[in-house]
PDB file of N, CA and C in Angstrom:
ATOM      1  N   MET A   1       0.755  -1.224  -0.046  1.00  0.00           N
ATOM      2  CA  MET A   1      -0.023   0.007  -0.032  1.00  0.00           C
ATOM      3  C   MET A   1       0.866   1.279   0.031  1.00  0.00           C
ATOM      4  N   ASP A   2       1.722   1.323   0.998  1.00  0.00           N
ATOM      5  CA  ASP A   2       2.558   2.487   1.127  1.00  0.00           C
ATOM      6  C   ASP A   2       3.395   2.767  -0.113  1.00  0.00           C
ATOM      7  N   THR A   3       4.016   1.676  -0.672  1.00  0.00           N
ATOM      8  CA  THR A   3       4.833   1.834  -1.879  1.00  0.00           C
ATOM      9  C   THR A   3       3.959   2.292  -3.033  1.00  0.00           C
ATOM     10  N   GLY A   4       2.758   1.640  -3.191  1.00  0.00           N
ATOM     11  CA  GLY A   4       1.970   2.037  -4.290  1.00  0.00           C
ATOM     12  C   GLY A   4       1.537   3.545  -4.250  1.00  0.00           C
ATOM     13  N   LEU A   5       1.181   3.960  -3.138  1.00  0.00           N
ATOM     14  CA  LEU A   5       0.766   5.395  -2.897  1.00  0.00           C
ATOM     15  C   LEU A   5       1.912   6.281  -3.127  1.00  0.00           C
ATOM     16  N   ALA A   6       3.173   5.796  -2.643  1.00  0.00           N
ATOM     17  CA  ALA A   6       4.389   6.705  -2.812  1.00  0.00           C
ATOM     18  C   ALA A   6       4.643   6.852  -4.361  1.00  0.00           C
ATOM     19  N   PHE A   7       4.448   5.747  -5.109  1.00  0.00           N
ATOM     20  CA  PHE A   7       4.682   5.807  -6.535  1.00  0.00           C
ATOM     21  C   PHE A   7       3.680   6.793  -7.249  1.00  0.00           C
ATOM     22  N   LEU A   8       2.480   6.752  -6.826  1.00  0.00           N
ATOM     23  CA  LEU A   8       1.489   7.653  -7.299  1.00  0.00           C
ATOM     24  C   LEU A   8       1.818   9.072  -6.879  1.00  0.00           C
ATOM     25  N   ALA A   9       2.316   9.335  -5.777  1.00  0.00           N
ATOM     26  CA  ALA A   9       2.635  10.693  -5.274  1.00  0.00           C
ATOM     27  C   ALA A   9       3.841  11.206  -6.074  1.00  0.00           C
ATOM     28  N   GLU A  10       4.751  10.274  -6.524  1.00  0.00           N
ATOM     29  CA  GLU A  10       5.820  10.727  -7.368  1.00  0.00           C
ATOM     30  C   GLU A  10       5.498  10.869  -8.831  1.00  0.00           C
ATOM     31  N   GLY A  11       4.269  10.603  -9.267  1.00  0.00           N
ATOM     32  CA  GLY A  11       3.744  10.844 -10.591  1.00  0.00           C
ATOM     33  C   GLY A  11       3.462   9.667 -11.455  1.00  0.00           C
ATOM     34  N   ALA A  12       3.444   8.444 -10.877  1.00  0.00           N
ATOM     35  CA  ALA A  12       3.098   7.213 -11.600  1.00  0.00           C
ATOM     36  C   ALA A  12       1.660   7.437 -12.178  1.00  0.00           C
ATOM     37  N   ASP A  13       1.511   6.936 -13.415  1.00  0.00           N
ATOM     38  CA  ASP A  13       0.197   7.017 -14.164  1.00  0.00           C
ATOM     39  C   ASP A  13      -0.710   5.848 -13.745  1.00  0.00           C
ATOM     40  N   MET A  14      -0.073   4.719 -13.359  1.00  0.00           N
ATOM     41  CA  MET A  14      -0.883   3.618 -12.977  1.00  0.00           C
ATOM     42  C   MET A  14       0.046   2.687 -12.119  1.00  0.00           C
ATOM     43  N   LEU A  15      -0.595   1.617 -11.542  1.00  0.00           N
ATOM     44  CA  LEU A  15       0.131   0.714 -10.710  1.00  0.00           C
ATOM     45  C   LEU A  15      -0.038  -0.753 -11.299  1.00  0.00           C
ATOM     46  N   LEU A  16       1.077  -1.369 -11.451  1.00  0.00           N
ATOM     47  CA  LEU A  16       1.113  -2.774 -11.825  1.00  0.00           C
ATOM     48  C   LEU A  16       1.253  -3.520 -10.622  1.00  0.00           C
ATOM     49  N   LEU A  17       0.436  -4.529 -10.388  1.00  0.00           N
ATOM     50  CA  LEU A  17       0.517  -5.310  -9.082  1.00  0.00           C
ATOM     51  C   LEU A  17       0.853  -6.784  -9.531  1.00  0.00           C
ATOM     52  N   GLU A  18       1.801  -7.417  -8.848  1.00  0.00           N
ATOM     53  CA  GLU A  18       2.070  -8.845  -9.197  1.00  0.00           C
ATOM     54  C   GLU A  18       2.519  -9.564  -7.940  1.00  0.00           C
ATOM     55  N   PRO A  19       2.128 -10.886  -7.852  1.00  0.00           N
ATOM     56  CA  PRO A  19       1.331 -11.599  -8.744  1.00  0.00           C
ATOM     57  C   PRO A  19      -0.149 -11.333  -8.517  1.00  0.00           C
ATOM     58  N   GLY A  20      -0.932 -11.437  -9.609  1.00  0.00           N
ATOM     59  CA  GLY A  20      -2.349 -11.051  -9.564  1.00  0.00           C
ATOM     60  C   GLY A  20      -3.100 -11.662  -8.520  1.00  0.00           C
ATOM     61  N   MET A  21      -3.023 -12.937  -8.424  1.00  0.00           N
ATOM     62  CA  MET A  21      -3.805 -13.843  -7.439  1.00  0.00           C
ATOM     63  C   MET A  21      -3.457 -13.384  -6.005  1.00  0.00           C
ATOM     64  N   LEU A  22      -2.213 -13.115  -5.648  1.00  0.00           N
ATOM     65  CA  LEU A  22      -1.944 -12.652  -4.352  1.00  0.00           C
ATOM     66  C   LEU A  22      -2.058 -11.187  -3.999  1.00  0.00           C
ATOM     67  N   SER A  23      -2.455 -10.419  -4.919  1.00  0.00           N
ATOM     68  CA  SER A  23      -2.544  -8.987  -4.757  1.00  0.00           C
ATOM     69  C   SER A  23      -3.951  -8.445  -4.512  1.00  0.00           C
ATOM     70  N   VAL A  24      -5.005  -9.399  -4.335  1.00  0.00           N
ATOM     71  CA  VAL A  24      -6.348  -9.020  -4.313  1.00  0.00           C
ATOM     72  C   VAL A  24      -6.622  -8.048  -3.186  1.00  0.00           C
ATOM     73  N   ASP A  25      -6.114  -8.347  -1.973  1.00  0.00           N
ATOM     74  CA  ASP A  25      -6.408  -7.464  -0.882  1.00  0.00           C
ATOM     75  C   ASP A  25      -5.791  -6.097  -1.086  1.00  0.00           C
ATOM     76  N   THR A  26      -4.584  -6.054  -1.634  1.00  0.00           N
ATOM     77  CA  THR A  26      -3.942  -4.753  -1.931  1.00  0.00           C
ATOM     78  C   THR A  26      -4.700  -3.989  -2.975  1.00  0.00           C
ATOM     79  N   LEU A  27      -5.101  -4.685  -4.047  1.00  0.00           N
ATOM     80  CA  LEU A  27      -5.906  -4.129  -5.161  1.00  0.00           C
ATOM     81  C   LEU A  27      -7.192  -3.432  -4.543  1.00  0.00           C
ATOM     82  N   ALA A  28      -7.880  -4.111  -3.739  1.00  0.00           N
ATOM     83  CA  ALA A  28      -9.151  -3.659  -3.103  1.00  0.00           C
ATOM     84  C   ALA A  28      -8.863  -2.432  -2.255  1.00  0.00           C
ATOM     85  N   ALA A  29      -7.808  -2.499  -1.494  1.00  0.00           N
ATOM     86  CA  ALA A  29      -7.364  -1.286  -0.601  1.00  0.00           C
ATOM     87  C   ALA A  29      -6.997  -0.105  -1.456  1.00  0.00           C
ATOM     88  N   LEU A  30      -6.186  -0.300  -2.538  1.00  0.00           N
ATOM     89  CA  LEU A  30      -5.783   0.806  -3.283  1.00  0.00           C
ATOM     90  C   LEU A  30      -6.920   1.422  -4.132  1.00  0.00           C
ATOM     91  N   LYS A  31      -7.882   0.549  -4.531  1.00  0.00           N
ATOM     92  CA  LYS A  31      -9.062   1.050  -5.229  1.00  0.00           C
ATOM     93  C   LYS A  31      -9.865   2.095  -4.372  1.00  0.00           C
ATOM     94  N   ARG A  32      -9.871   1.792  -3.058  1.00  0.00           N
ATOM     95  CA  ARG A  32     -10.570   2.655  -2.195  1.00  0.00           C
ATOM     96  C   ARG A  32      -9.899   4.020  -2.071  1.00  0.00           C
ATOM     97  N   ARG A  33      -8.571   4.047  -2.228  1.00  0.00           N
ATOM     98  CA  ARG A  33      -7.710   5.163  -1.930  1.00  0.00           C
ATOM     99  C   ARG A  33      -7.236   6.034  -3.111  1.00  0.00           C
ATOM    100  N   THR A  34      -7.514   5.459  -4.387  1.00  0.00           N
ATOM    101  CA  THR A  34      -7.000   6.224  -5.458  1.00  0.00           C
ATOM    102  C   THR A  34      -7.896   5.923  -6.691  1.00  0.00           C
ATOM    103  N   SER A  35      -7.806   6.819  -7.615  1.00  0.00           N
ATOM    104  CA  SER A  35      -8.514   6.640  -8.885  1.00  0.00           C
ATOM    105  C   SER A  35      -7.578   6.213 -10.033  1.00  0.00           C
ATOM    106  N   ALA A  36      -6.300   6.005  -9.728  1.00  0.00           N
ATOM    107  CA  ALA A  36      -5.315   5.571 -10.676  1.00  0.00           C
ATOM    108  C   ALA A  36      -5.664   4.210 -11.247  1.00  0.00           C
ATOM    109  N   PRO A  37      -5.336   3.916 -12.530  1.00  0.00           N
ATOM    110  CA  PRO A  37      -5.618   2.614 -13.020  1.00  0.00           C
ATOM    111  C   PRO A  37      -4.769   1.635 -12.308  1.00  0.00           C
ATOM    112  N   LEU A  38      -5.372   0.532 -11.901  1.00  0.00           N
ATOM    113  CA  LEU A  38      -4.722  -0.568 -11.268  1.00  0.00           C
ATOM    114  C   LEU A  38      -4.791  -1.829 -12.092  1.00  0.00           C
ATOM    115  N   MET A  39      -3.575  -2.420 -12.351  1.00  0.00           N
ATOM    116  CA  MET A  39      -3.453  -3.463 -13.379  1.00  0.00           C
ATOM    117  C   MET A  39      -2.649  -4.565 -12.733  1.00  0.00           C
ATOM    118  N   PRO A  40      -3.296  -5.647 -12.274  1.00  0.00           N
ATOM    119  CA  PRO A  40      -2.656  -6.825 -11.773  1.00  0.00           C
ATOM    120  C   PRO A  40      -1.987  -7.565 -13.024  1.00  0.00           C
ATOM    121  N   PHE A  41      -0.850  -8.232 -12.705  1.00  0.00           N
ATOM    122  CA  PHE A  41      -0.124  -8.946 -13.736  1.00  0.00           C
ATOM    123  C   PHE A  41      -0.194 -10.403 -13.268  1.00  0.00           C
ATOM    124  N   SER A  42      -0.745 -11.309 -14.181  1.00  0.00           N
ATOM    125  CA  SER A  42      -0.738 -12.736 -13.796  1.00  0.00           C
ATOM    126  C   SER A  42       0.569 -13.342 -14.231  1.00  0.00           C
ATOM    127  N   VAL A  43       1.411 -13.701 -13.311  1.00  0.00           N
ATOM    128  CA  VAL A  43       2.654 -14.303 -13.642  1.00  0.00           C
ATOM    129  C   VAL A  43       2.589 -15.663 -14.125  1.00  0.00           C
ATOM    130  N   SER A  44       3.661 -16.169 -14.703  1.00  0.00           N
ATOM    131  CA  SER A  44       3.746 -17.419 -15.354  1.00  0.00           C
ATOM    132  C   SER A  44       3.272 -18.598 -14.488  1.00  0.00           C
ATOM    133  N   GLY A  45       3.597 -18.566 -13.235  1.00  0.00           N
ATOM    134  CA  GLY A  45       3.250 -19.616 -12.271  1.00  0.00           C
ATOM    135  C   GLY A  45       1.704 -19.719 -12.123  1.00  0.00           C
ATOM    136  N   GLU A  46       1.025 -18.583 -12.146  1.00  0.00           N
ATOM    137  CA  GLU A  46      -0.431 -18.597 -12.048  1.00  0.00           C
ATOM    138  C   GLU A  46      -0.995 -19.188 -13.399  1.00  0.00           C
ATOM    139  N   TYR A  47      -0.476 -18.803 -14.482  1.00  0.00           N
ATOM    140  CA  TYR A  47      -0.958 -19.326 -15.751  1.00  0.00           C
ATOM    141  C   TYR A  47      -0.735 -20.885 -15.739  1.00  0.00           C
ATOM    142  N   THR A  48       0.330 -21.421 -15.252  1.00  0.00           N
ATOM    143  CA  THR A  48       0.591 -22.863 -15.369  1.00  0.00           C
ATOM    144  C   THR A  48      -0.311 -23.478 -14.313  1.00  0.00           C
ATOM    145  N   ARG A  49      -0.428 -23.001 -13.141  1.00  0.00           N
ATOM    146  CA  ARG A  49      -1.272 -23.646 -12.128  1.00  0.00           C
ATOM    147  C   ARG A  49      -2.732 -23.582 -12.434  1.00  0.00           C
ATOM    148  N   LEU A  50      -3.253 -22.479 -12.914  1.00  0.00           N
ATOM    149  CA  LEU A  50      -4.652 -22.215 -13.033  1.00  0.00           C
ATOM    150  C   LEU A  50      -5.157 -22.568 -14.469  1.00  0.00           C
ATOM    151  N   ALA A  51      -4.233 -23.031 -15.329  1.00  0.00           N
ATOM    152  CA  ALA A  51      -4.725 -23.470 -16.674  1.00  0.00           C
ATOM    153  C   ALA A  51      -4.003 -24.782 -16.939  1.00  0.00           C
ATOM    154  N   PRO A  52      -4.463 -25.825 -16.176  1.00  0.00           N
ATOM    155  CA  PRO A  52      -3.709 -27.122 -16.252  1.00  0.00           C
ATOM    156  C   PRO A  52      -4.020 -27.787 -17.565  1.00  0.00           C
ATOM    157  N   ARG A  53      -3.080 -28.616 -17.994  1.00  0.00           N
ATOM    158  CA  ARG A  53      -3.259 -29.472 -19.217  1.00  0.00           C
ATOM    159  C   ARG A  53      -3.997 -30.710 -18.849  1.00  0.00           C
ATOM    160  N   ASP A  54      -4.971 -31.108 -19.703  1.00  0.00           N
ATOM    161  CA  ASP A  54      -5.565 -32.418 -19.636  1.00  0.00           C
ATOM    162  C   ASP A  54      -4.462 -33.435 -20.053  1.00  0.00           C
ATOM    163  N   PRO A  55      -4.224 -34.433 -19.222  1.00  0.00           N
ATOM    164  CA  PRO A  55      -3.216 -35.377 -19.632  1.00  0.00           C
ATOM    165  C   PRO A  55      -3.578 -36.205 -21.002  1.00  0.00           C
ATOM    166  N   ALA A  56      -4.859 -36.384 -21.194  1.00  0.00           N
ATOM    167  CA  ALA A  56      -5.300 -37.258 -22.284  1.00  0.00           C
ATOM    168  C   ALA A  56      -5.219 -36.364 -23.582  1.00  0.00           C
ATOM    169  N   THR A  57      -5.591 -35.089 -23.508  1.00  0.00           N
ATOM    170  CA  THR A  57      -5.681 -34.300 -24.822  1.00  0.00           C
ATOM    171  C   THR A  57      -4.526 -33.295 -24.968  1.00  0.00           C
ATOM    172  N   GLY A  58      -3.984 -32.929 -23.796  1.00  0.00           N
ATOM    173  CA  GLY A  58      -2.875 -31.982 -23.884  1.00  0.00           C
ATOM    174  C   GLY A  58      -3.412 -30.494 -23.918  1.00  0.00           C
ATOM    175  N   LYS A  59      -4.826 -30.335 -23.930  1.00  0.00           N
ATOM    176  CA  LYS A  59      -5.384 -29.109 -23.978  1.00  0.00           C
ATOM    177  C   LYS A  59      -5.473 -28.499 -22.617  1.00  0.00           C
ATOM    178  N   ARG A  60      -5.365 -27.227 -22.458  1.00  0.00           N
ATOM    179  CA  ARG A  60      -5.487 -26.449 -21.224  1.00  0.00           C
ATOM    180  C   ARG A  60      -6.889 -26.141 -20.919  1.00  0.00           C
ATOM    181  N   ASP A  61      -7.266 -26.083 -19.642  1.00  0.00           N
ATOM    182  CA  ASP A  61      -8.511 -25.748 -19.066  1.00  0.00           C
ATOM    183  C   ASP A  61      -8.345 -24.264 -18.538  1.00  0.00           C
ATOM    184  N   PHE A  62      -8.897 -23.365 -19.265  1.00  0.00           N
ATOM    185  CA  PHE A  62      -8.723 -21.913 -18.910  1.00  0.00           C
ATOM    186  C   PHE A  62      -9.790 -21.375 -17.903  1.00  0.00           C
ATOM    187  N   ARG A  63     -10.775 -22.201 -17.590  1.00  0.00           N
ATOM    188  CA  ARG A  63     -11.824 -21.639 -16.637  1.00  0.00           C
ATOM    189  C   ARG A  63     -11.372 -21.287 -15.337  1.00  0.00           C
ATOM    190  N   PRO A  64     -10.447 -22.046 -14.640  1.00  0.00           N
ATOM    191  CA  PRO A  64      -9.997 -21.421 -13.360  1.00  0.00           C
ATOM    192  C   PRO A  64      -9.254 -20.161 -13.483  1.00  0.00           C
ATOM    193  N   LEU A  65      -8.545 -19.898 -14.569  1.00  0.00           N
ATOM    194  CA  LEU A  65      -7.908 -18.624 -14.880  1.00  0.00           C
ATOM    195  C   LEU A  65      -8.843 -17.546 -15.122  1.00  0.00           C
ATOM    196  N   ALA A  66      -9.984 -17.856 -15.837  1.00  0.00           N
ATOM    197  CA  ALA A  66     -11.012 -16.859 -16.141  1.00  0.00           C
ATOM    198  C   ALA A  66     -11.718 -16.479 -14.787  1.00  0.00           C
ATOM    199  N   GLU A  67     -11.862 -17.388 -13.889  1.00  0.00           N
ATOM    200  CA  GLU A  67     -12.369 -16.984 -12.533  1.00  0.00           C
ATOM    201  C   GLU A  67     -11.516 -16.036 -11.825  1.00  0.00           C
ATOM    202  N   LEU A  68     -10.228 -16.267 -11.919  1.00  0.00           N
ATOM    203  CA  LEU A  68      -9.279 -15.297 -11.162  1.00  0.00           C
ATOM    204  C   LEU A  68      -9.402 -13.926 -11.831  1.00  0.00           C
ATOM    205  N   PHE A  69      -9.486 -13.812 -13.106  1.00  0.00           N
ATOM    206  CA  PHE A  69      -9.526 -12.525 -13.767  1.00  0.00           C
ATOM    207  C   PHE A  69     -10.857 -11.889 -13.504  1.00  0.00           C
ATOM    208  N   THR A  70     -11.989 -12.621 -13.470  1.00  0.00           N
ATOM    209  CA  THR A  70     -13.194 -12.079 -13.006  1.00  0.00           C
ATOM    210  C   THR A  70     -13.201 -11.488 -11.623  1.00  0.00           C
ATOM    211  N   MET A  71     -12.560 -12.174 -10.697  1.00  0.00           N
ATOM    212  CA  MET A  71     -12.438 -11.681  -9.370  1.00  0.00           C
ATOM    213  C   MET A  71     -11.570 -10.466  -9.347  1.00  0.00           C
ATOM    214  N   LEU A  72     -10.446 -10.369 -10.117  1.00  0.00           N
ATOM    215  CA  LEU A  72      -9.598  -9.210 -10.204  1.00  0.00           C
ATOM    216  C   LEU A  72     -10.374  -7.973 -10.711  1.00  0.00           C
ATOM    217  N   LYS A  73     -11.118  -8.158 -11.756  1.00  0.00           N
ATOM    218  CA  LYS A  73     -11.948  -7.161 -12.339  1.00  0.00           C
ATOM    219  C   LYS A  73     -12.884  -6.501 -11.303  1.00  0.00           C
ATOM    220  N   ARG A  74     -13.653  -7.533 -10.609  1.00  0.00           N
ATOM    221  CA  ARG A  74     -14.680  -7.052  -9.620  1.00  0.00           C
ATOM    222  C   ARG A  74     -14.017  -6.451  -8.420  1.00  0.00           C
ATOM    223  N   THR A  75     -12.737  -6.720  -8.138  1.00  0.00           N
ATOM    224  CA  THR A  75     -12.137  -6.073  -7.020  1.00  0.00           C
ATOM    225  C   THR A  75     -11.606  -4.630  -7.387  1.00  0.00           C
ATOM    226  N   GLY A  76     -11.424  -4.367  -8.645  1.00  0.00           N
ATOM    227  CA  GLY A  76     -11.165  -2.971  -9.058  1.00  0.00           C
ATOM    228  C   GLY A  76     -10.082  -2.834 -10.094  1.00  0.00           C
ATOM    229  N   ALA A  77      -9.620  -3.947 -10.655  1.00  0.00           N
ATOM    230  CA  ALA A  77      -8.631  -3.872 -11.749  1.00  0.00           C
ATOM    231  C   ALA A  77      -9.217  -3.208 -12.931  1.00  0.00           C
ATOM    232  N   GLU A  78      -8.431  -2.260 -13.452  1.00  0.00           N
ATOM    233  CA  GLU A  78      -8.739  -1.652 -14.761  1.00  0.00           C
ATOM    234  C   GLU A  78      -8.563  -2.536 -15.907  1.00  0.00           C
ATOM    235  N   ARG A  79      -7.484  -3.284 -15.918  1.00  0.00           N
ATOM    236  CA  ARG A  79      -7.083  -4.302 -16.802  1.00  0.00           C
ATOM    237  C   ARG A  79      -6.335  -5.375 -16.167  1.00  0.00           C
ATOM    238  N   VAL A  80      -6.260  -6.614 -16.732  1.00  0.00           N
ATOM    239  CA  VAL A  80      -5.364  -7.661 -16.209  1.00  0.00           C
ATOM    240  C   VAL A  80      -4.284  -8.024 -17.307  1.00  0.00           C
ATOM    241  N   ILE A  81      -3.095  -8.014 -16.979  1.00  0.00           N
ATOM    242  CA  ILE A  81      -2.066  -8.302 -17.863  1.00  0.00           C
ATOM    243  C   ILE A  81      -1.752  -9.799 -17.754  1.00  0.00           C
ATOM    244  N   THR A  82      -1.777 -10.505 -18.827  1.00  0.00           N
ATOM    245  CA  THR A  82      -1.563 -12.033 -18.740  1.00  0.00           C
ATOM    246  C   THR A  82      -1.062 -12.640 -20.050  1.00  0.00           C
ATOM    247  N   TYR A  83      -0.451 -13.755 -19.902  1.00  0.00           N
ATOM    248  CA  TYR A  83       0.025 -14.438 -20.990  1.00  0.00           C
ATOM    249  C   TYR A  83      -1.152 -15.098 -21.676  1.00  0.00           C
ATOM    250  N   ALA A  84      -2.290 -15.332 -21.021  1.00  0.00           N
ATOM    251  CA  ALA A  84      -3.390 -16.037 -21.472  1.00  0.00           C
ATOM    252  C   ALA A  84      -4.457 -15.254 -22.236  1.00  0.00           C
ATOM    253  N   ALA A  85      -4.209 -14.045 -22.565  1.00  0.00           N
ATOM    254  CA  ALA A  85      -5.192 -13.147 -23.057  1.00  0.00           C
ATOM    255  C   ALA A  85      -5.860 -13.720 -24.354  1.00  0.00           C
ATOM    256  N   LEU A  86      -5.125 -14.182 -25.329  1.00  0.00           N
ATOM    257  CA  LEU A  86      -5.734 -14.713 -26.483  1.00  0.00           C
ATOM    258  C   LEU A  86      -6.452 -15.966 -26.117  1.00  0.00           C
ATOM    259  N   ASP A  87      -5.978 -16.816 -25.250  1.00  0.00           N
ATOM    260  CA  ASP A  87      -6.689 -18.105 -24.945  1.00  0.00           C
ATOM    261  C   ASP A  87      -8.024 -17.726 -24.235  1.00  0.00           C
ATOM    262  N   LEU A  88      -7.984 -16.775 -23.397  1.00  0.00           N
ATOM    263  CA  LEU A  88      -9.284 -16.338 -22.720  1.00  0.00           C
ATOM    264  C   LEU A  88     -10.219 -15.666 -23.681  1.00  0.00           C
ATOM    265  N   ALA A  89      -9.726 -14.963 -24.624  1.00  0.00           N
ATOM    266  CA  ALA A  89     -10.621 -14.379 -25.688  1.00  0.00           C
ATOM    267  C   ALA A  89     -11.265 -15.539 -26.491  1.00  0.00           C
ATOM    268  N   ARG A  90     -10.533 -16.539 -26.812  1.00  0.00           N
ATOM    269  CA  ARG A  90     -11.075 -17.646 -27.575  1.00  0.00           C
ATOM    270  C   ARG A  90     -12.143 -18.386 -26.684  1.00  0.00           C
ATOM    271  N   LEU A  91     -11.934 -18.528 -25.428  1.00  0.00           N
ATOM    272  CA  LEU A  91     -12.820 -19.167 -24.461  1.00  0.00           C
ATOM    273  C   LEU A  91     -14.209 -18.456 -24.518  1.00  0.00           C
ATOM    274  N   ARG A  92     -14.224 -17.085 -24.664  1.00  0.00           N
ATOM    275  CA  ARG A  92     -15.461 -16.343 -24.621  1.00  0.00           C
ATOM    276  C   ARG A  92     -16.122 -16.427 -26.011  1.00  0.00           C
ATOM    277  N   ALA A  93     -15.374 -16.819 -27.078  1.00  0.00           N
ATOM    278  CA  ALA A  93     -16.013 -16.688 -28.423  1.00  0.00           C
ATOM    279  C   ALA A  93     -16.975 -17.894 -28.598  1.00  0.00           C
TER     280      ALA A  93
END
Protein backbone atom coordinates (compact mmCIF):
# COMPACT_ATOMS: atom_id res chain seq x y z
CA MET A 1 0.00 0.00 0.00
CA ASP A 2 2.57 2.52 1.10
CA THR A 3 4.83 1.81 -1.86
CA GLY A 4 1.97 2.06 -4.36
CA LEU A 5 0.74 5.34 -2.89
CA ALA A 6 4.32 6.68 -2.88
CA PHE A 7 4.71 5.80 -6.57
CA LEU A 8 1.49 7.67 -7.34
CA ALA A 9 2.64 10.67 -5.30
CA GLU A 10 5.84 10.70 -7.38
CA GLY A 11 3.80 10.84 -10.60
CA ALA A 12 3.09 7.25 -11.63
CA ASP A 13 0.23 7.03 -14.13
CA MET A 14 -0.88 3.58 -13.00
CA LEU A 15 0.13 0.72 -10.74
CA LEU A 16 1.12 -2.76 -11.82
CA LEU A 17 0.53 -5.37 -9.11
CA GLU A 18 2.03 -8.83 -9.19
CA PRO A 19 1.34 -11.63 -8.76
CA GLY A 20 -2.30 -11.01 -9.56
CA MET A 21 -3.76 -13.77 -7.42
CA LEU A 22 -1.91 -12.68 -4.30
CA SER A 23 -2.56 -8.96 -4.71
CA VAL A 24 -6.36 -9.00 -4.33
CA ASP A 25 -6.39 -7.43 -0.83
CA THR A 26 -3.92 -4.75 -1.89
CA LEU A 27 -5.89 -4.11 -5.08
CA ALA A 28 -9.12 -3.61 -3.12
CA ALA A 29 -7.44 -1.28 -0.61
CA LEU A 30 -5.76 0.79 -3.34
CA LYS A 31 -9.05 1.04 -5.24
CA ARG A 32 -10.60 2.70 -2.17
CA ARG A 33 -7.74 5.22 -1.92
CA THR A 34 -6.95 6.20 -5.50
CA SER A 35 -8.52 6.66 -8.90
CA ALA A 36 -5.33 5.62 -10.70
CA PRO A 37 -5.63 2.61 -13.02
CA LEU A 38 -4.72 -0.61 -11.22
CA MET A 39 -3.43 -3.47 -13.35
CA PRO A 40 -2.63 -6.83 -11.82
CA PHE A 41 -0.14 -8.97 -13.73
CA SER A 42 -0.77 -12.69 -13.84
CA VAL A 43 2.68 -14.26 -13.61
CA SER A 44 3.69 -17.45 -15.41
CA GLY A 45 3.23 -19.61 -12.30
CA GLU A 46 -0.42 -18.57 -12.08
CA TYR A 47 -0.89 -19.37 -15.75
CA THR A 48 0.61 -22.84 -15.34
CA ARG A 49 -1.23 -23.65 -12.13
CA LEU A 50 -4.64 -22.22 -13.07
CA ALA A 51 -4.67 -23.46 -16.67
CA PRO A 52 -3.75 -27.11 -16.24
CA ARG A 53 -3.26 -29.43 -19.19
CA ASP A 54 -5.55 -32.40 -19.62
CA PRO A 55 -3.20 -35.41 -19.67
CA ALA A 56 -5.30 -37.18 -22.30
CA THR A 57 -5.66 -34.34 -24.81
CA GLY A 58 -2.88 -31.92 -23.86
CA LYS A 59 -5.38 -29.05 -23.98
CA ARG A 60 -5.46 -26.45 -21.22
CA ASP A 61 -8.54 -25.71 -19.12
CA PHE A 62 -8.70 -21.92 -18.86
CA ARG A 63 -11.85 -21.73 -16.72
CA PRO A 64 -9.99 -21.43 -13.37
CA LEU A 65 -7.87 -18.63 -14.83
CA ALA A 66 -11.01 -16.90 -16.11
CA GLU A 67 -12.42 -17.04 -12.57
CA LEU A 68 -9.28 -15.34 -11.23
CA PHE A 69 -9.53 -12.53 -13.77
CA THR A 70 -13.23 -12.07 -13.04
CA MET A 71 -12.36 -11.71 -9.35
CA LEU A 72 -9.60 -9.20 -10.12
CA LYS A 73 -11.90 -7.09 -12.30
CA ARG A 74 -14.63 -7.12 -9.64
CA THR A 75 -12.07 -6.10 -7.03
CA GLY A 76 -11.11 -3.01 -9.03
CA ALA A 77 -8.60 -3.89 -11.73
CA GLU A 78 -8.73 -1.59 -14.72
CA ARG A 79 -7.14 -4.32 -16.85
CA VAL A 80 -5.36 -7.61 -16.21
CA ILE A 81 -2.06 -8.31 -17.92
CA THR A 82 -1.61 -11.99 -18.75
CA TYR A 83 0.03 -14.52 -21.01
CA ALA A 84 -3.41 -16.07 -21.47
CA ALA A 85 -5.16 -13.10 -23.11
CA LEU A 86 -5.68 -14.77 -26.50
CA ASP A 87 -6.71 -18.08 -24.92
CA LEU A 88 -9.27 -16.35 -22.72
CA ALA A 89 -10.61 -14.38 -25.68
CA ARG A 90 -11.11 -17.66 -27.54
CA LEU A 91 -12.84 -19.14 -24.49
CA ARG A 92 -15.44 -16.34 -24.65
CA ALA A 93 -16.00 -16.73 -28.39
